[in-house]
Amino acid sequence: MADDPLKLSLNAGGANGADKSHPVAGYFAVGFGLLGIFSVGYIFVPLALICSLIALFMGQFIWAVVGLLLTLAGLLTSPVLLGILGLTYLASHMGF
């Protein structure tokens, strides 16, 4: 069985040693950030923030920064999220 064409391995690089790591969390951060800008912001902006933080902690710095910038843009273009932030600010100053 030494000539088995199916080589199984538990290495992260795969059986042939090639590096197959892809910044999946960064892809999701950028994708959710774009969806937060152009579609339902109050759903996708928090998802983009979470994925951006995960990408940042996984060492995907460029993808995380782009995701955070898109998250900020999605936050600023979402009337629902701006209303939530405004009500939170108002409640904190009114003593609630």
PDB file of N, CA and C in Angstrom:
ATOM      1  N   MET A   1       0.806  -1.194   0.000  1.00  0.00           N
ATOM      2  CA  MET A   1       0.000   0.000   0.000  1.00  0.00           C
ATOM      3  C   MET A   1       0.858   1.270   0.000  1.00  0.00           C
ATOM      4  N   ALA A   2       2.123   1.155  -0.281  1.00  0.00           N
ATOM      5  CA  ALA A   2       2.998   2.322  -0.294  1.00  0.00           C
ATOM      6  C   ALA A   2       2.722   3.207  -1.506  1.00  0.00           C
ATOM      7  N   ASP A   3       2.162   2.650  -2.576  1.00  0.00           N
ATOM      8  CA  ASP A   3       1.882   3.416  -3.779  1.00  0.00           C
ATOM      9  C   ASP A   3       0.433   3.891  -3.832  1.00  0.00           C
ATOM     10  N   ASP A   4      -0.161   4.115  -2.686  1.00  0.00           N
ATOM     11  CA  ASP A   4      -1.552   4.546  -2.613  1.00  0.00           C
ATOM     12  C   ASP A   4      -1.674   5.964  -3.184  1.00  0.00           C
ATOM     13  N   PRO A   5      -2.499   6.198  -4.225  1.00  0.00           N
ATOM     14  CA  PRO A   5      -2.603   7.540  -4.802  1.00  0.00           C
ATOM     15  C   PRO A   5      -3.339   8.525  -3.894  1.00  0.00           C
ATOM     16  N   LEU A   6      -4.119   8.023  -2.967  1.00  0.00           N
ATOM     17  CA  LEU A   6      -4.852   8.900  -2.062  1.00  0.00           C
ATOM     18  C   LEU A   6      -4.034   9.069  -0.794  1.00  0.00           C
ATOM     19  N   LYS A   7      -3.377  10.212  -0.674  1.00  0.00           N
ATOM     20  CA  LYS A   7      -2.516  10.474   0.482  1.00  0.00           C
ATOM     21  C   LYS A   7      -3.287  11.305   1.494  1.00  0.00           C
ATOM     22  N   LEU A   8      -3.498  10.748   2.638  1.00  0.00           N
ATOM     23  CA  LEU A   8      -4.207  11.446   3.701  1.00  0.00           C
ATOM     24  C   LEU A   8      -3.206  12.019   4.686  1.00  0.00           C
ATOM     25  N   SER A   9      -3.508  13.211   5.163  1.00  0.00           N
ATOM     26  CA  SER A   9      -2.612  13.858   6.095  1.00  0.00           C
ATOM     27  C   SER A   9      -3.406  14.764   7.022  1.00  0.00           C
ATOM     28  N   LEU A  10      -2.891  14.944   8.212  1.00  0.00           N
ATOM     29  CA  LEU A  10      -3.507  15.856   9.167  1.00  0.00           C
ATOM     30  C   LEU A  10      -2.799  17.202   9.200  1.00  0.00           C
ATOM     31  N   ASN A  11      -1.835  17.399   8.327  1.00  0.00           N
ATOM     32  CA  ASN A  11      -1.123  18.671   8.245  1.00  0.00           C
ATOM     33  C   ASN A  11      -2.036  19.746   7.683  1.00  0.00           C
ATOM     34  N   ALA A  12      -1.802  20.977   8.099  1.00  0.00           N
ATOM     35  CA  ALA A  12      -2.614  22.084   7.600  1.00  0.00           C
ATOM     36  C   ALA A  12      -2.347  22.355   6.122  1.00  0.00           C
ATOM     37  N   GLY A  13      -1.176  22.030   5.648  1.00  0.00           N
ATOM     38  CA  GLY A  13      -0.831  22.288   4.269  1.00  0.00           C
ATOM     39  C   GLY A  13      -1.351  21.243   3.307  1.00  0.00           C
ATOM     40  N   GLY A  14      -1.945  20.201   3.788  1.00  0.00           N
ATOM     41  CA  GLY A  14      -2.454  19.158   2.911  1.00  0.00           C
ATOM     42  C   GLY A  14      -1.427  18.066   2.714  1.00  0.00           C
ATOM     43  N   ALA A  15      -1.743  17.095   1.916  1.00  0.00           N
ATOM     44  CA  ALA A  15      -0.874  15.942   1.725  1.00  0.00           C
ATOM     45  C   ALA A  15       0.356  16.282   0.900  1.00  0.00           C
ATOM     46  N   ASN A  16       0.229  17.214  -0.025  1.00  0.00           N
ATOM     47  CA  ASN A  16       1.369  17.535  -0.876  1.00  0.00           C
ATOM     48  C   ASN A  16       2.221  18.683  -0.330  1.00  0.00           C
ATOM     49  N   GLY A  17       1.869  19.220   0.817  1.00  0.00           N
ATOM     50  CA  GLY A  17       2.661  20.263   1.457  1.00  0.00           C
ATOM     51  C   GLY A  17       2.344  21.664   0.982  1.00  0.00           C
ATOM     52  N   ALA A  18       1.419  21.818   0.050  1.00  0.00           N
ATOM     53  CA  ALA A  18       1.064  23.153  -0.434  1.00  0.00           C
ATOM     54  C   ALA A  18       0.240  23.883   0.623  1.00  0.00           C
ATOM     55  N   ASP A  19       0.452  25.175   0.728  1.00  0.00           N
ATOM     56  CA  ASP A  19      -0.286  25.981   1.697  1.00  0.00           C
ATOM     57  C   ASP A  19      -1.641  26.331   1.110  1.00  0.00           C
ATOM     58  N   LYS A  20      -2.686  25.857   1.731  1.00  0.00           N
ATOM     59  CA  LYS A  20      -4.031  26.093   1.216  1.00  0.00           C
ATOM     60  C   LYS A  20      -4.849  26.987   2.147  1.00  0.00           C
ATOM     61  N   SER A  21      -4.166  27.825   2.894  1.00  0.00           N
ATOM     62  CA  SER A  21      -4.889  28.689   3.815  1.00  0.00           C
ATOM     63  C   SER A  21      -5.459  29.883   3.054  1.00  0.00           C
ATOM     64  N   HIS A  22      -6.719  30.124   3.272  1.00  0.00           N
ATOM     65  CA  HIS A  22      -7.407  31.262   2.657  1.00  0.00           C
ATOM     66  C   HIS A  22      -8.010  32.103   3.775  1.00  0.00           C
ATOM     67  N   PRO A  23      -7.999  33.410   3.612  1.00  0.00           N
ATOM     68  CA  PRO A  23      -8.557  34.280   4.658  1.00  0.00           C
ATOM     69  C   PRO A  23     -10.088  34.278   4.631  1.00  0.00           C
ATOM     70  N   VAL A  24     -10.691  33.195   5.062  1.00  0.00           N
ATOM     71  CA  VAL A  24     -12.142  33.033   4.967  1.00  0.00           C
ATOM     72  C   VAL A  24     -12.859  34.055   5.847  1.00  0.00           C
ATOM     73  N   ALA A  25     -12.364  34.285   7.050  1.00  0.00           N
ATOM     74  CA  ALA A  25     -12.996  35.274   7.925  1.00  0.00           C
ATOM     75  C   ALA A  25     -12.918  36.672   7.307  1.00  0.00           C
ATOM     76  N   GLY A  26     -11.816  36.969   6.648  1.00  0.00           N
ATOM     77  CA  GLY A  26     -11.687  38.255   5.962  1.00  0.00           C
ATOM     78  C   GLY A  26     -12.633  38.379   4.790  1.00  0.00           C
ATOM     79  N   TYR A  27     -12.800  37.269   4.041  1.00  0.00           N
ATOM     80  CA  TYR A  27     -13.764  37.279   2.941  1.00  0.00           C
ATOM     81  C   TYR A  27     -15.167  37.561   3.461  1.00  0.00           C
ATOM     82  N   PHE A  28     -15.527  36.888   4.551  1.00  0.00           N
ATOM     83  CA  PHE A  28     -16.853  37.103   5.129  1.00  0.00           C
ATOM     84  C   PHE A  28     -16.994  38.532   5.666  1.00  0.00           C
ATOM     85  N   ALA A  29     -15.945  39.076   6.261  1.00  0.00           N
ATOM     86  CA  ALA A  29     -16.003  40.438   6.795  1.00  0.00           C
ATOM     87  C   ALA A  29     -16.265  41.448   5.680  1.00  0.00           C
ATOM     88  N   VAL A  30     -15.551  41.311   4.578  1.00  0.00           N
ATOM     89  CA  VAL A  30     -15.731  42.239   3.463  1.00  0.00           C
ATOM     90  C   VAL A  30     -17.096  42.018   2.808  1.00  0.00           C
ATOM     91  N   GLY A  31     -17.477  40.773   2.654  1.00  0.00           N
ATOM     92  CA  GLY A  31     -18.785  40.483   2.050  1.00  0.00           C
ATOM     93  C   GLY A  31     -19.933  41.008   2.885  1.00  0.00           C
ATOM     94  N   PHE A  32     -19.883  40.745   4.199  1.00  0.00           N
ATOM     95  CA  PHE A  32     -20.936  41.258   5.070  1.00  0.00           C
ATOM     96  C   PHE A  32     -20.897  42.779   5.147  1.00  0.00           C
ATOM     97  N   GLY A  33     -19.706  43.375   5.067  1.00  0.00           N
ATOM     98  CA  GLY A  33     -19.609  44.835   5.060  1.00  0.00           C
ATOM     99  C   GLY A  33     -20.269  45.440   3.834  1.00  0.00           C
ATOM    100  N   LEU A  34     -20.032  44.832   2.679  1.00  0.00           N
ATOM    101  CA  LEU A  34     -20.678  45.321   1.460  1.00  0.00           C
ATOM    102  C   LEU A  34     -22.187  45.102   1.510  1.00  0.00           C
ATOM    103  N   LEU A  35     -22.610  43.960   2.016  1.00  0.00           N
ATOM    104  CA  LEU A  35     -24.051  43.726   2.164  1.00  0.00           C
ATOM    105  C   LEU A  35     -24.670  44.693   3.169  1.00  0.00           C
ATOM    106  N   GLY A  36     -23.902  45.064   4.202  1.00  0.00           N
ATOM    107  CA  GLY A  36     -24.400  46.029   5.181  1.00  0.00           C
ATOM    108  C   GLY A  36     -24.606  47.406   4.583  1.00  0.00           C
ATOM    109  N   ILE A  37     -23.799  47.757   3.598  1.00  0.00           N
ATOM    110  CA  ILE A  37     -23.960  49.054   2.943  1.00  0.00           C
ATOM    111  C   ILE A  37     -25.127  49.025   1.972  1.00  0.00           C
ATOM    112  N   PHE A  38     -25.221  47.965   1.182  1.00  0.00           N
ATOM    113  CA  PHE A  38     -26.168  47.949   0.075  1.00  0.00           C
ATOM    114  C   PHE A  38     -27.457  47.187   0.344  1.00  0.00           C
ATOM    115  N   SER A  39     -27.604  46.585   1.506  1.00  0.00           N
ATOM    116  CA  SER A  39     -28.862  45.888   1.805  1.00  0.00           C
ATOM    117  C   SER A  39     -29.238  46.149   3.261  1.00  0.00           C
ATOM    118  N   VAL A  40     -29.732  45.159   3.950  1.00  0.00           N
ATOM    119  CA  VAL A  40     -30.256  45.315   5.309  1.00  0.00           C
ATOM    120  C   VAL A  40     -29.090  45.505   6.282  1.00  0.00           C
ATOM    121  N   GLY A  41     -28.847  46.749   6.660  1.00  0.00           N
ATOM    122  CA  GLY A  41     -27.685  47.079   7.476  1.00  0.00           C
ATOM    123  C   GLY A  41     -27.734  46.553   8.885  1.00  0.00           C
ATOM    124  N   TYR A  42     -28.900  46.532   9.498  1.00  0.00           N
ATOM    125  CA  TYR A  42     -28.968  46.123  10.900  1.00  0.00           C
ATOM    126  C   TYR A  42     -28.752  44.629  11.075  1.00  0.00           C
ATOM    127  N   ILE A  43     -28.719  43.874  10.001  1.00  0.00           N
ATOM    128  CA  ILE A  43     -28.379  42.453  10.084  1.00  0.00           C
ATOM    129  C   ILE A  43     -26.906  42.241   9.738  1.00  0.00           C
ATOM    130  N   PHE A  44     -26.441  42.848   8.648  1.00  0.00           N
ATOM    131  CA  PHE A  44     -25.120  42.538   8.128  1.00  0.00           C
ATOM    132  C   PHE A  44     -23.991  43.352   8.750  1.00  0.00           C
ATOM    133  N   VAL A  45     -24.269  44.520   9.283  1.00  0.00           N
ATOM    134  CA  VAL A  45     -23.208  45.325   9.891  1.00  0.00           C
ATOM    135  C   VAL A  45     -22.666  44.658  11.160  1.00  0.00           C
ATOM    136  N   PRO A  46     -23.505  44.150  12.074  1.00  0.00           N
ATOM    137  CA  PRO A  46     -22.929  43.430  13.217  1.00  0.00           C
ATOM    138  C   PRO A  46     -22.181  42.163  12.811  1.00  0.00           C
ATOM    139  N   LEU A  47     -22.674  41.458  11.788  1.00  0.00           N
ATOM    140  CA  LEU A  47     -21.961  40.278  11.298  1.00  0.00           C
ATOM    141  C   LEU A  47     -20.599  40.656  10.722  1.00  0.00           C
ATOM    142  N   ALA A  48     -20.545  41.788  10.015  1.00  0.00           N
ATOM    143  CA  ALA A  48     -19.274  42.255   9.468  1.00  0.00           C
ATOM    144  C   ALA A  48     -18.307  42.631  10.582  1.00  0.00           C
ATOM    145  N   LEU A  49     -18.815  43.229  11.648  1.00  0.00           N
ATOM    146  CA  LEU A  49     -17.960  43.582  12.775  1.00  0.00           C
ATOM    147  C   LEU A  49     -17.395  42.335  13.439  1.00  0.00           C
ATOM    148  N   ILE A  50     -18.228  41.341  13.660  1.00  0.00           N
ATOM    149  CA  ILE A  50     -17.778  40.099  14.287  1.00  0.00           C
ATOM    150  C   ILE A  50     -16.737  39.405  13.412  1.00  0.00           C
ATOM    151  N   CYS A  51     -17.013  39.298  12.122  1.00  0.00           N
ATOM    152  CA  CYS A  51     -16.065  38.639  11.216  1.00  0.00           C
ATOM    153  C   CYS A  51     -14.774  39.432  11.085  1.00  0.00           C
ATOM    154  N   SER A  52     -14.855  40.754  11.148  1.00  0.00           N
ATOM    155  CA  SER A  52     -13.645  41.575  11.088  1.00  0.00           C
ATOM    156  C   SER A  52     -12.777  41.358  12.316  1.00  0.00           C
ATOM    157  N   LEU A  53     -13.393  41.265  13.470  1.00  0.00           N
ATOM    158  CA  LEU A  53     -12.622  41.008  14.684  1.00  0.00           C
ATOM    159  C   LEU A  53     -12.013  39.614  14.666  1.00  0.00           C
ATOM    160  N   ILE A  54     -12.752  38.630  14.172  1.00  0.00           N
ATOM    161  CA  ILE A  54     -12.204  37.275  14.045  1.00  0.00           C
ATOM    162  C   ILE A  54     -11.027  37.278  13.078  1.00  0.00           C
ATOM    163  N   ALA A  55     -11.169  37.974  11.943  1.00  0.00           N
ATOM    164  CA  ALA A  55     -10.082  38.060  10.970  1.00  0.00           C
ATOM    165  C   ALA A  55      -8.872  38.761  11.565  1.00  0.00           C
ATOM    166  N   LEU A  56      -9.102  39.766  12.380  1.00  0.00           N
ATOM    167  CA  LEU A  56      -7.996  40.479  13.015  1.00  0.00           C
ATOM    168  C   LEU A  56      -7.226  39.564  13.964  1.00  0.00           C
ATOM    169  N   PHE A  57      -7.942  38.782  14.754  1.00  0.00           N
ATOM    170  CA  PHE A  57      -7.285  37.878  15.692  1.00  0.00           C
ATOM    171  C   PHE A  57      -6.654  36.668  15.006  1.00  0.00           C
ATOM    172  N   MET A  58      -7.098  36.356  13.786  1.00  0.00           N
ATOM    173  CA  MET A  58      -6.499  35.254  13.037  1.00  0.00           C
ATOM    174  C   MET A  58      -5.300  35.710  12.206  1.00  0.00           C
ATOM    175  N   GLY A  59      -4.957  36.986  12.266  1.00  0.00           N
ATOM    176  CA  GLY A  59      -3.792  37.491  11.572  1.00  0.00           C
ATOM    177  C   GLY A  59      -4.053  37.954  10.157  1.00  0.00           C
ATOM    178  N   GLN A  60      -5.289  38.114   9.782  1.00  0.00           N
ATOM    179  CA  GLN A  60      -5.646  38.582   8.447  1.00  0.00           C
ATOM    180  C   GLN A  60      -5.862  40.092   8.516  1.00  0.00           C
ATOM    181  N   PHE A  61      -4.765  40.811   8.712  1.00  0.00           N
ATOM    182  CA  PHE A  61      -4.840  42.220   9.081  1.00  0.00           C
ATOM    183  C   PHE A  61      -5.482  43.081   7.996  1.00  0.00           C
ATOM    184  N   ILE A  62      -5.070  42.925   6.749  1.00  0.00           N
ATOM    185  CA  ILE A  62      -5.591  43.765   5.668  1.00  0.00           C
ATOM    186  C   ILE A  62      -7.088  43.535   5.484  1.00  0.00           C
ATOM    187  N   TRP A  63      -7.496  42.265   5.472  1.00  0.00           N
ATOM    188  CA  TRP A  63      -8.916  41.946   5.317  1.00  0.00           C
ATOM    189  C   TRP A  63      -9.717  42.487   6.500  1.00  0.00           C
ATOM    190  N   ALA A  64      -9.142  42.413   7.702  1.00  0.00           N
ATOM    191  CA  ALA A  64      -9.847  42.907   8.883  1.00  0.00           C
ATOM    192  C   ALA A  64     -10.027  44.419   8.829  1.00  0.00           C
ATOM    193  N   VAL A  65      -9.014  45.133   8.385  1.00  0.00           N
ATOM    194  CA  VAL A  65      -9.110  46.595   8.306  1.00  0.00           C
ATOM    195  C   VAL A  65     -10.137  47.007   7.250  1.00  0.00           C
ATOM    196  N   VAL A  66     -10.112  46.329   6.100  1.00  0.00           N
ATOM    197  CA  VAL A  66     -11.098  46.639   5.064  1.00  0.00           C
ATOM    198  C   VAL A  66     -12.506  46.315   5.565  1.00  0.00           C
ATOM    199  N   GLY A  67     -12.647  45.194   6.267  1.00  0.00           N
ATOM    200  CA  GLY A  67     -13.949  44.836   6.833  1.00  0.00           C
ATOM    201  C   GLY A  67     -14.418  45.847   7.867  1.00  0.00           C
ATOM    202  N   LEU A  68     -13.507  46.343   8.701  1.00  0.00           N
ATOM    203  CA  LEU A  68     -13.882  47.347   9.699  1.00  0.00           C
ATOM    204  C   LEU A  68     -14.270  48.674   9.035  1.00  0.00           C
ATOM    205  N   LEU A  69     -13.573  49.043   7.975  1.00  0.00           N
ATOM    206  CA  LEU A  69     -13.942  50.273   7.255  1.00  0.00           C
ATOM    207  C   LEU A  69     -15.316  50.137   6.599  1.00  0.00           C
ATOM    208  N   LEU A  70     -15.579  48.976   6.017  1.00  0.00           N
ATOM    209  CA  LEU A  70     -16.905  48.757   5.433  1.00  0.00           C
ATOM    210  C   LEU A  70     -17.983  48.679   6.511  1.00  0.00           C
ATOM    211  N   THR A  71     -17.624  48.155   7.681  1.00  0.00           N
ATOM    212  CA  THR A  71     -18.565  48.133   8.802  1.00  0.00           C
ATOM    213  C   THR A  71     -18.920  49.551   9.235  1.00  0.00           C
ATOM    214  N   LEU A  72     -17.922  50.402   9.314  1.00  0.00           N
ATOM    215  CA  LEU A  72     -18.170  51.799   9.680  1.00  0.00           C
ATOM    216  C   LEU A  72     -19.029  52.493   8.623  1.00  0.00           C
ATOM    217  N   ALA A  73     -18.735  52.236   7.352  1.00  0.00           N
ATOM    218  CA  ALA A  73     -19.549  52.828   6.287  1.00  0.00           C
ATOM    219  C   ALA A  73     -20.976  52.298   6.340  1.00  0.00           C
ATOM    220  N   GLY A  74     -21.140  51.016   6.617  1.00  0.00           N
ATOM    221  CA  GLY A  74     -22.480  50.444   6.751  1.00  0.00           C
ATOM    222  C   GLY A  74     -23.225  51.013   7.940  1.00  0.00           C
ATOM    223  N   LEU A  75     -22.509  51.268   9.025  1.00  0.00           N
ATOM    224  CA  LEU A  75     -23.132  51.879  10.201  1.00  0.00           C
ATOM    225  C   LEU A  75     -23.610  53.289   9.890  1.00  0.00           C
ATOM    226  N   LEU A  76     -22.790  54.035   9.173  1.00  0.00           N
ATOM    227  CA  LEU A  76     -23.153  55.421   8.867  1.00  0.00           C
ATOM    228  C   LEU A  76     -24.235  55.544   7.807  1.00  0.00           C
ATOM    229  N   THR A  77     -24.468  54.496   7.028  1.00  0.00           N
ATOM    230  CA  THR A  77     -25.504  54.552   6.000  1.00  0.00           C
ATOM    231  C   THR A  77     -26.780  53.816   6.386  1.00  0.00           C
ATOM    232  N   SER A  78     -26.843  53.302   7.596  1.00  0.00           N
ATOM    233  CA  SER A  78     -28.031  52.579   8.041  1.00  0.00           C
ATOM    234  C   SER A  78     -28.854  53.458   8.986  1.00  0.00           C
ATOM    235  N   PRO A  79     -30.035  53.878   8.568  1.00  0.00           N
ATOM    236  CA  PRO A  79     -30.860  54.716   9.441  1.00  0.00           C
ATOM    237  C   PRO A  79     -31.304  53.992  10.709  1.00  0.00           C
ATOM    238  N   VAL A  80     -31.525  52.693  10.617  1.00  0.00           N
ATOM    239  CA  VAL A  80     -31.962  51.933  11.796  1.00  0.00           C
ATOM    240  C   VAL A  80     -30.860  51.906  12.850  1.00  0.00           C
ATOM    241  N   LEU A  81     -29.635  51.613  12.433  1.00  0.00           N
ATOM    242  CA  LEU A  81     -28.530  51.572  13.394  1.00  0.00           C
ATOM    243  C   LEU A  81     -28.217  52.952  13.957  1.00  0.00           C
ATOM    244  N   LEU A  82     -28.313  53.980  13.119  1.00  0.00           N
ATOM    245  CA  LEU A  82     -28.107  55.336  13.634  1.00  0.00           C
ATOM    246  C   LEU A  82     -29.201  55.714  14.629  1.00  0.00           C
ATOM    247  N   GLY A  83     -30.426  55.281  14.380  1.00  0.00           N
ATOM    248  CA  GLY A  83     -31.512  55.524  15.333  1.00  0.00           C
ATOM    249  C   GLY A  83     -31.286  54.801  16.648  1.00  0.00           C
ATOM    250  N   ILE A  84     -30.808  53.579  16.581  1.00  0.00           N
ATOM    251  CA  ILE A  84     -30.505  52.824  17.810  1.00  0.00           C
ATOM    252  C   ILE A  84     -29.409  53.514  18.601  1.00  0.00           C
ATOM    253  N   LEU A  85     -28.358  53.970  17.907  1.00  0.00           N
ATOM    254  CA  LEU A  85     -27.292  54.687  18.599  1.00  0.00           C
ATOM    255  C   LEU A  85     -27.788  56.001  19.189  1.00  0.00           C
ATOM    256  N   GLY A  86     -28.658  56.691  18.464  1.00  0.00           N
ATOM    257  CA  GLY A  86     -29.210  57.952  18.971  1.00  0.00           C
ATOM    258  C   GLY A  86     -30.080  57.742  20.192  1.00  0.00           C
ATOM    259  N   LEU A  87     -30.909  56.702  20.177  1.00  0.00           N
ATOM    260  CA  LEU A  87     -31.749  56.411  21.335  1.00  0.00           C
ATOM    261  C   LEU A  87     -30.915  55.983  22.536  1.00  0.00           C
ATOM    262  N   THR A  88     -29.836  55.253  22.281  1.00  0.00           N
ATOM    263  CA  THR A  88     -28.944  54.856  23.369  1.00  0.00           C
ATOM    264  C   THR A  88     -28.275  56.075  23.989  1.00  0.00           C
ATOM    265  N   TYR A  89     -27.839  56.999  23.148  1.00  0.00           N
ATOM    266  CA  TYR A  89     -27.228  58.227  23.641  1.00  0.00           C
ATOM    267  C   TYR A  89     -28.233  59.054  24.434  1.00  0.00           C
ATOM    268  N   LEU A  90     -29.455  59.137  23.909  1.00  0.00           N
ATOM    269  CA  LEU A  90     -30.492  59.900  24.602  1.00  0.00           C
ATOM    270  C   LEU A  90     -30.829  59.264  25.945  1.00  0.00           C
ATOM    271  N   ALA A  91     -30.937  57.950  25.972  1.00  0.00           N
ATOM    272  CA  ALA A  91     -31.265  57.265  27.238  1.00  0.00           C
ATOM    273  C   ALA A  91     -30.167  57.416  28.263  1.00  0.00           C
ATOM    274  N   SER A  92     -28.914  57.437  27.823  1.00  0.00           N
ATOM    275  CA  SER A  92     -27.829  57.574  28.781  1.00  0.00           C
ATOM    276  C   SER A  92     -27.787  58.988  29.381  1.00  0.00           C
ATOM    277  N   HIS A  93     -28.195  59.991  28.634  1.00  0.00           N
ATOM    278  CA  HIS A  93     -28.202  61.353  29.157  1.00  0.00           C
ATOM    279  C   HIS A  93     -29.479  61.709  29.899  1.00  0.00           C
ATOM    280  N   MET A  94     -30.536  60.968  29.672  1.00  0.00           N
ATOM    281  CA  MET A  94     -31.789  61.225  30.379  1.00  0.00           C
ATOM    282  C   MET A  94     -31.864  60.467  31.710  1.00  0.00           C
ATOM    283  N   GLY A  95     -30.934  59.572  31.935  1.00  0.00           N
ATOM    284  CA  GLY A  95     -30.883  58.873  33.210  1.00  0.00           C
ATOM    285  C   GLY A  95     -31.643  57.555  33.231  1.00  0.00           C
ATOM    286  N   PHE A  96     -31.916  56.974  32.093  1.00  0.00           N
ATOM    287  CA  PHE A  96     -32.649  55.691  32.071  1.00  0.00           C
ATOM    288  C   PHE A  96     -31.718  54.561  32.218  1.00  0.00           C
TER     289      PHE A  96
END
